Amino acid sequence: MENDVRKTGTTTVGLVCKDGLVLAADKKATAGFFIAAKNVEKIIRITDDIAVTVAGTVSDIQLLAKLIKAELKLKEIRTGKINTVKEAANLLAGIVYSNIRKFSLIPGISHFIVGGKDKTGFHMYDLSPDGSITDIDDFVSSGSGSPMAYGVFESQYKKDLQVKDGIKLAVKGVNAAIQRDAASGEGLDVVTITEKGVKKVLTKEIKINLEE
């Protein structure tokens, strides 16, 4: 039987800076060759100090984002302690691991980049669709447009990058993907995580003019 599940695409990126973190993502949602939505929020604030970028099957990432928000809040209430970024990443990775191994006619594929601040500093983790965790100390990208974003970061990223410059570099990376990846586009969002917490610093729409 032919698999009729339509593939999705996206571009999300994360940069580790000297004074914080930068997350960015495009705004297009696709189902095969069909553009399903043009203004999708792919960066979700989980707590005041932790945010995640999302990629994969929309129904799964929406549900998992809600679950991790609720679980972290419950854990905070039960223990009376603020969750660390690593605890949040491990908890979400466990949920992703369980989700991908459930029998379903529609694969539960989800990919998250987790970024946040706690008492030990700033941390970023790459959560692959199989539930594995990678500690990121420079940059990371996910989705169909990631090869183009990686090309930009490999040549322009520097270890002492400031957040203000990281925002510009993240925009360059996502824009490179938008130019070459058909599944990425319509605009981009940029979120920073600094000592002041999670903050959206840029939302930009990209419209194609089809008129002569």
C-alpha atoms as a PDB file:
ATOM      1  CA  MET A   1       0.000   0.000   0.000  1.00  0.00           C
ATOM      2  CA  GLU A   2       1.391   3.376  -0.989  1.00  0.00           C
ATOM      3  CA  ASN A   3       2.112   5.781   1.860  1.00  0.00           C
ATOM      4  CA  ASP A   4      -0.075   8.840   1.262  1.00  0.00           C
ATOM      5  CA  VAL A   5       1.291  10.871   4.197  1.00  0.00           C
ATOM      6  CA  ARG A   6       2.460  14.213   2.864  1.00  0.00           C
ATOM      7  CA  LYS A   7       5.927  15.470   3.739  1.00  0.00           C
ATOM      8  CA  THR A   8       6.375  18.745   5.570  1.00  0.00           C
ATOM      9  CA  GLY A   9       9.251  21.223   5.519  1.00  0.00           C
ATOM     10  CA  THR A  10      10.577  24.145   7.535  1.00  0.00           C
ATOM     11  CA  THR A  11      13.678  25.973   8.722  1.00  0.00           C
ATOM     12  CA  THR A  12      14.443  26.637  12.389  1.00  0.00           C
ATOM     13  CA  VAL A  13      17.768  27.764  13.826  1.00  0.00           C
ATOM     14  CA  GLY A  14      19.438  28.360  17.171  1.00  0.00           C
ATOM     15  CA  LEU A  15      22.583  30.357  17.972  1.00  0.00           C
ATOM     16  CA  VAL A  16      24.559  30.393  21.214  1.00  0.00           C
ATOM     17  CA  CYS A  17      25.881  33.896  21.890  1.00  0.00           C
ATOM     18  CA  LYS A  18      28.182  35.378  24.509  1.00  0.00           C
ATOM     19  CA  ASP A  19      25.311  37.122  26.289  1.00  0.00           C
ATOM     20  CA  GLY A  20      22.357  34.876  25.473  1.00  0.00           C
ATOM     21  CA  LEU A  21      20.636  32.770  22.827  1.00  0.00           C
ATOM     22  CA  VAL A  22      18.885  33.473  19.535  1.00  0.00           C
ATOM     23  CA  LEU A  23      16.129  31.308  18.005  1.00  0.00           C
ATOM     24  CA  ALA A  24      14.649  31.934  14.561  1.00  0.00           C
ATOM     25  CA  ALA A  25      12.246  30.202  12.189  1.00  0.00           C
ATOM     26  CA  ASP A  26      10.336  30.713   8.965  1.00  0.00           C
ATOM     27  CA  LYS A  27       6.531  30.974   8.927  1.00  0.00           C
ATOM     28  CA  LYS A  28       5.358  28.592   6.174  1.00  0.00           C
ATOM     29  CA  ALA A  29       3.548  25.288   6.793  1.00  0.00           C
ATOM     30  CA  THR A  30       3.372  22.809   3.925  1.00  0.00           C
ATOM     31  CA  ALA A  31       1.675  19.505   3.111  1.00  0.00           C
ATOM     32  CA  GLY A  32       3.499  18.050   0.150  1.00  0.00           C
ATOM     33  CA  PHE A  33       3.391  20.700  -2.571  1.00  0.00           C
ATOM     34  CA  PHE A  34       0.463  22.468  -0.902  1.00  0.00           C
ATOM     35  CA  ILE A  35       1.060  25.567   1.265  1.00  0.00           C
ATOM     36  CA  ALA A  36      -1.186  24.856   4.239  1.00  0.00           C
ATOM     37  CA  ALA A  37      -0.538  28.090   6.168  1.00  0.00           C
ATOM     38  CA  LYS A  38       1.488  31.271   5.738  1.00  0.00           C
ATOM     39  CA  ASN A  39       1.733  32.696   9.251  1.00  0.00           C
ATOM     40  CA  VAL A  40       2.755  29.865  11.553  1.00  0.00           C
ATOM     41  CA  GLU A  41       4.422  30.479  14.919  1.00  0.00           C
ATOM     42  CA  LYS A  42       7.294  27.982  15.052  1.00  0.00           C
ATOM     43  CA  ILE A  43       8.936  29.372  18.192  1.00  0.00           C
ATOM     44  CA  ILE A  44       6.959  28.661  21.358  1.00  0.00           C
ATOM     45  CA  ARG A  45       7.623  30.088  24.820  1.00  0.00           C
ATOM     46  CA  ILE A  46       7.471  27.246  27.342  1.00  0.00           C
ATOM     47  CA  THR A  47       8.317  29.291  30.443  1.00  0.00           C
ATOM     48  CA  ASP A  48       9.481  32.862  31.018  1.00  0.00           C
ATOM     49  CA  ASP A  49      13.067  31.687  30.463  1.00  0.00           C
ATOM     50  CA  ILE A  50      12.716  28.714  28.070  1.00  0.00           C
ATOM     51  CA  ALA A  51      11.527  28.550  24.459  1.00  0.00           C
ATOM     52  CA  VAL A  52      11.522  25.896  21.744  1.00  0.00           C
ATOM     53  CA  THR A  53      11.498  25.888  17.962  1.00  0.00           C
ATOM     54  CA  VAL A  54       9.255  23.278  16.357  1.00  0.00           C
ATOM     55  CA  ALA A  55       9.407  21.225  13.170  1.00  0.00           C
ATOM     56  CA  GLY A  56       7.569  18.127  11.991  1.00  0.00           C
ATOM     57  CA  THR A  57       3.978  16.894  11.974  1.00  0.00           C
ATOM     58  CA  VAL A  58       1.882  19.865  13.112  1.00  0.00           C
ATOM     59  CA  SER A  59      -0.597  17.915  15.265  1.00  0.00           C
ATOM     60  CA  ASP A  60       2.244  16.227  17.153  1.00  0.00           C
ATOM     61  CA  ILE A  61       4.313  19.328  17.812  1.00  0.00           C
ATOM     62  CA  GLN A  62       1.262  21.279  18.999  1.00  0.00           C
ATOM     63  CA  LEU A  63       0.278  18.518  21.427  1.00  0.00           C
ATOM     64  CA  LEU A  64       3.829  17.963  22.699  1.00  0.00           C
ATOM     65  CA  ALA A  65       4.323  21.691  23.255  1.00  0.00           C
ATOM     66  CA  LYS A  66       1.153  21.803  25.375  1.00  0.00           C
ATOM     67  CA  LEU A  67       2.234  18.716  27.316  1.00  0.00           C
ATOM     68  CA  ILE A  68       5.692  20.044  28.142  1.00  0.00           C
ATOM     69  CA  LYS A  69       4.234  23.369  29.298  1.00  0.00           C
ATOM     70  CA  ALA A  70       1.835  21.590  31.632  1.00  0.00           C
ATOM     71  CA  GLU A  71       4.400  19.095  32.936  1.00  0.00           C
ATOM     72  CA  LEU A  72       6.946  21.789  33.740  1.00  0.00           C
ATOM     73  CA  LYS A  73       4.337  23.851  35.561  1.00  0.00           C
ATOM     74  CA  LEU A  74       3.191  20.834  37.591  1.00  0.00           C
ATOM     75  CA  LYS A  75       6.781  19.913  38.435  1.00  0.00           C
ATOM     76  CA  GLU A  76       7.449  23.455  39.607  1.00  0.00           C
ATOM     77  CA  ILE A  77       4.335  23.413  41.819  1.00  0.00           C
ATOM     78  CA  ARG A  78       5.179  19.999  43.312  1.00  0.00           C
ATOM     79  CA  THR A  79       8.851  20.703  44.033  1.00  0.00           C
ATOM     80  CA  GLY A  80       8.748  24.433  44.638  1.00  0.00           C
ATOM     81  CA  LYS A  81      11.813  24.787  42.417  1.00  0.00           C
ATOM     82  CA  ILE A  82      12.354  26.470  39.054  1.00  0.00           C
ATOM     83  CA  ASN A  83      13.047  23.930  36.310  1.00  0.00           C
ATOM     84  CA  THR A  84      16.499  23.935  34.748  1.00  0.00           C
ATOM     85  CA  VAL A  85      16.856  23.980  30.970  1.00  0.00           C
ATOM     86  CA  LYS A  86      18.366  20.488  31.040  1.00  0.00           C
ATOM     87  CA  GLU A  87      15.408  19.140  33.029  1.00  0.00           C
ATOM     88  CA  ALA A  88      13.012  20.655  30.487  1.00  0.00           C
ATOM     89  CA  ALA A  89      14.988  19.184  27.576  1.00  0.00           C
ATOM     90  CA  ASN A  90      15.161  15.725  29.161  1.00  0.00           C
ATOM     91  CA  LEU A  91      11.438  15.720  29.918  1.00  0.00           C
ATOM     92  CA  LEU A  92      10.527  16.778  26.380  1.00  0.00           C
ATOM     93  CA  ALA A  93      12.962  14.247  24.899  1.00  0.00           C
ATOM     94  CA  GLY A  94      11.247  11.480  26.859  1.00  0.00           C
ATOM     95  CA  ILE A  95       7.859  12.522  25.484  1.00  0.00           C
ATOM     96  CA  VAL A  96       9.263  12.671  21.926  1.00  0.00           C
ATOM     97  CA  TYR A  97      10.845   9.226  22.356  1.00  0.00           C
ATOM     98  CA  SER A  98       7.524   7.731  23.457  1.00  0.00           C
ATOM     99  CA  ASN A  99       5.608   9.493  20.703  1.00  0.00           C
ATOM    100  CA  ILE A 100       7.760   8.281  17.793  1.00  0.00           C
ATOM    101  CA  ARG A 101       7.418   4.675  18.978  1.00  0.00           C
ATOM    102  CA  LYS A 102       3.634   4.586  19.104  1.00  0.00           C
ATOM    103  CA  PHE A 103       1.939   2.608  16.349  1.00  0.00           C
ATOM    104  CA  SER A 104       0.178   5.036  14.025  1.00  0.00           C
ATOM    105  CA  LEU A 105      -0.757   5.337  10.371  1.00  0.00           C
ATOM    106  CA  ILE A 106       0.651   8.874  10.528  1.00  0.00           C
ATOM    107  CA  PRO A 107       4.269   8.994  11.796  1.00  0.00           C
ATOM    108  CA  GLY A 108       4.627  11.151  14.916  1.00  0.00           C
ATOM    109  CA  ILE A 109       7.677  13.074  13.745  1.00  0.00           C
ATOM    110  CA  SER A 110       8.752  16.125  15.752  1.00  0.00           C
ATOM    111  CA  HIS A 111      12.044  18.007  16.054  1.00  0.00           C
ATOM    112  CA  PHE A 112      12.693  20.624  18.737  1.00  0.00           C
ATOM    113  CA  ILE A 113      15.473  23.067  19.524  1.00  0.00           C
ATOM    114  CA  VAL A 114      15.299  23.933  23.221  1.00  0.00           C
ATOM    115  CA  GLY A 115      16.907  27.132  24.459  1.00  0.00           C
ATOM    116  CA  GLY A 116      16.774  28.683  27.884  1.00  0.00           C
ATOM    117  CA  LYS A 117      18.334  30.332  30.909  1.00  0.00           C
ATOM    118  CA  ASP A 118      18.651  29.023  34.467  1.00  0.00           C
ATOM    119  CA  LYS A 119      20.858  29.651  37.483  1.00  0.00           C
ATOM    120  CA  THR A 120      23.807  27.934  35.783  1.00  0.00           C
ATOM    121  CA  GLY A 121      23.666  30.039  32.620  1.00  0.00           C
ATOM    122  CA  PHE A 122      22.364  29.751  29.065  1.00  0.00           C
ATOM    123  CA  HIS A 123      21.821  26.343  27.464  1.00  0.00           C
ATOM    124  CA  MET A 124      20.679  25.013  24.091  1.00  0.00           C
ATOM    125  CA  TYR A 125      19.728  21.444  23.156  1.00  0.00           C
ATOM    126  CA  ASP A 126      18.838  19.776  19.875  1.00  0.00           C
ATOM    127  CA  LEU A 127      16.057  17.185  20.327  1.00  0.00           C
ATOM    128  CA  SER A 128      15.964  14.871  17.315  1.00  0.00           C
ATOM    129  CA  PRO A 129      12.768  13.070  16.207  1.00  0.00           C
ATOM    130  CA  ASP A 130      14.024   9.849  17.832  1.00  0.00           C
ATOM    131  CA  GLY A 131      14.232  11.535  21.249  1.00  0.00           C
ATOM    132  CA  SER A 132      18.013  11.879  21.375  1.00  0.00           C
ATOM    133  CA  ILE A 133      19.528  15.020  22.920  1.00  0.00           C
ATOM    134  CA  THR A 134      22.572  16.957  21.726  1.00  0.00           C
ATOM    135  CA  ASP A 135      24.081  19.751  23.810  1.00  0.00           C
ATOM    136  CA  ILE A 136      24.721  22.712  21.467  1.00  0.00           C
ATOM    137  CA  ASP A 137      27.530  25.156  22.182  1.00  0.00           C
ATOM    138  CA  ASP A 138      27.540  27.088  18.900  1.00  0.00           C
ATOM    139  CA  PHE A 139      24.679  26.745  16.387  1.00  0.00           C
ATOM    140  CA  VAL A 140      22.075  24.291  15.153  1.00  0.00           C
ATOM    141  CA  SER A 141      19.355  24.118  12.510  1.00  0.00           C
ATOM    142  CA  SER A 142      16.478  21.767  11.737  1.00  0.00           C
ATOM    143  CA  GLY A 143      14.088  21.188   8.864  1.00  0.00           C
ATOM    144  CA  SER A 144      14.348  20.926   5.102  1.00  0.00           C
ATOM    145  CA  GLY A 145      16.052  24.322   4.822  1.00  0.00           C
ATOM    146  CA  SER A 146      18.777  23.529   7.371  1.00  0.00           C
ATOM    147  CA  PRO A 147      21.557  22.756   4.819  1.00  0.00           C
ATOM    148  CA  MET A 148      21.357  26.341   3.529  1.00  0.00           C
ATOM    149  CA  ALA A 149      21.304  27.793   7.051  1.00  0.00           C
ATOM    150  CA  TYR A 150      24.300  25.663   8.076  1.00  0.00           C
ATOM    151  CA  GLY A 151      26.230  26.997   5.067  1.00  0.00           C
ATOM    152  CA  VAL A 152      25.794  30.541   6.368  1.00  0.00           C
ATOM    153  CA  PHE A 153      26.645  29.691   9.968  1.00  0.00           C
ATOM    154  CA  GLU A 154      29.725  27.624   9.124  1.00  0.00           C
ATOM    155  CA  SER A 155      31.330  30.616   7.441  1.00  0.00           C
ATOM    156  CA  GLN A 156      30.094  33.503   9.610  1.00  0.00           C
ATOM    157  CA  TYR A 157      29.523  32.267  13.175  1.00  0.00           C
ATOM    158  CA  LYS A 158      32.025  33.364  15.854  1.00  0.00           C
ATOM    159  CA  LYS A 159      32.303  32.146  19.441  1.00  0.00           C
ATOM    160  CA  ASP A 160      32.223  35.668  20.938  1.00  0.00           C
ATOM    161  CA  LEU A 161      29.071  36.634  19.035  1.00  0.00           C
ATOM    162  CA  GLN A 162      26.832  39.125  20.821  1.00  0.00           C
ATOM    163  CA  VAL A 163      23.042  38.650  20.778  1.00  0.00           C
ATOM    164  CA  LYS A 164      22.531  41.790  18.671  1.00  0.00           C
ATOM    165  CA  ASP A 165      24.818  40.320  15.996  1.00  0.00           C
ATOM    166  CA  GLY A 166      23.350  36.844  16.491  1.00  0.00           C
ATOM    167  CA  ILE A 167      19.945  38.223  15.485  1.00  0.00           C
ATOM    168  CA  LYS A 168      21.388  39.469  12.185  1.00  0.00           C
ATOM    169  CA  LEU A 169      23.147  36.151  11.544  1.00  0.00           C
ATOM    170  CA  ALA A 170      20.013  34.130  12.348  1.00  0.00           C
ATOM    171  CA  VAL A 171      18.052  36.250   9.858  1.00  0.00           C
ATOM    172  CA  LYS A 172      20.730  35.602   7.213  1.00  0.00           C
ATOM    173  CA  GLY A 173      20.562  31.858   7.858  1.00  0.00           C
ATOM    174  CA  VAL A 174      16.783  31.606   7.627  1.00  0.00           C
ATOM    175  CA  ASN A 175      16.705  33.928   4.623  1.00  0.00           C
ATOM    176  CA  ALA A 176      19.228  31.722   2.793  1.00  0.00           C
ATOM    177  CA  ALA A 177      16.904  28.765   3.354  1.00  0.00           C
ATOM    178  CA  ILE A 178      13.872  30.734   2.195  1.00  0.00           C
ATOM    179  CA  GLN A 179      15.663  31.603  -1.045  1.00  0.00           C
ATOM    180  CA  ARG A 180      16.482  27.970  -1.902  1.00  0.00           C
ATOM    181  CA  ASP A 181      14.079  25.707  -0.003  1.00  0.00           C
ATOM    182  CA  ALA A 182      10.554  25.583  -1.424  1.00  0.00           C
ATOM    183  CA  ALA A 183       9.101  24.409   1.894  1.00  0.00           C
ATOM    184  CA  SER A 184      10.418  27.433   3.819  1.00  0.00           C
ATOM    185  CA  GLY A 185       9.188  30.985   3.457  1.00  0.00           C
ATOM    186  CA  GLU A 186       6.453  33.605   3.931  1.00  0.00           C
ATOM    187  CA  GLY A 187       8.522  35.387   6.584  1.00  0.00           C
ATOM    188  CA  LEU A 188      10.428  34.768   9.802  1.00  0.00           C
ATOM    189  CA  ASP A 189      10.307  35.191  13.565  1.00  0.00           C
ATOM    190  CA  VAL A 190      13.274  35.833  15.851  1.00  0.00           C
ATOM    191  CA  VAL A 191      13.274  35.286  19.621  1.00  0.00           C
ATOM    192  CA  THR A 192      16.080  36.065  22.056  1.00  0.00           C
ATOM    193  CA  ILE A 193      16.750  34.571  25.482  1.00  0.00           C
ATOM    194  CA  THR A 194      18.801  36.894  27.672  1.00  0.00           C
ATOM    195  CA  GLU A 195      19.043  37.777  31.355  1.00  0.00           C
ATOM    196  CA  LYS A 196      15.625  39.390  30.885  1.00  0.00           C
ATOM    197  CA  GLY A 197      14.095  36.105  29.697  1.00  0.00           C
ATOM    198  CA  VAL A 198      12.344  35.118  26.457  1.00  0.00           C
ATOM    199  CA  LYS A 199      11.478  37.967  24.098  1.00  0.00           C
ATOM    200  CA  LYS A 200      10.309  38.120  20.479  1.00  0.00           C
ATOM    201  CA  VAL A 201      12.461  40.756  18.795  1.00  0.00           C
ATOM    202  CA  LEU A 202      11.476  40.451  15.144  1.00  0.00           C
ATOM    203  CA  THR A 203       8.544  39.337  13.012  1.00  0.00           C
ATOM    204  CA  LYS A 204       8.835  39.876   9.290  1.00  0.00           C
ATOM    205  CA  GLU A 205       6.477  38.871   6.507  1.00  0.00           C
ATOM    206  CA  ILE A 206       7.787  38.158   3.023  1.00  0.00           C
ATOM    207  CA  LYS A 207       5.187  38.560   0.307  1.00  0.00           C
ATOM    208  CA  ILE A 208       5.692  37.650  -3.339  1.00  0.00           C
ATOM    209  CA  ASN A 209       4.249  40.166  -5.792  1.00  0.00           C
ATOM    210  CA  LEU A 210       2.806  38.272  -8.763  1.00  0.00           C
ATOM    211  CA  GLU A 211       1.672  41.415 -10.590  1.00  0.00           C
ATOM    212  CA  GLU A 212       3.598  42.614 -13.640  1.00  0.00           C
END
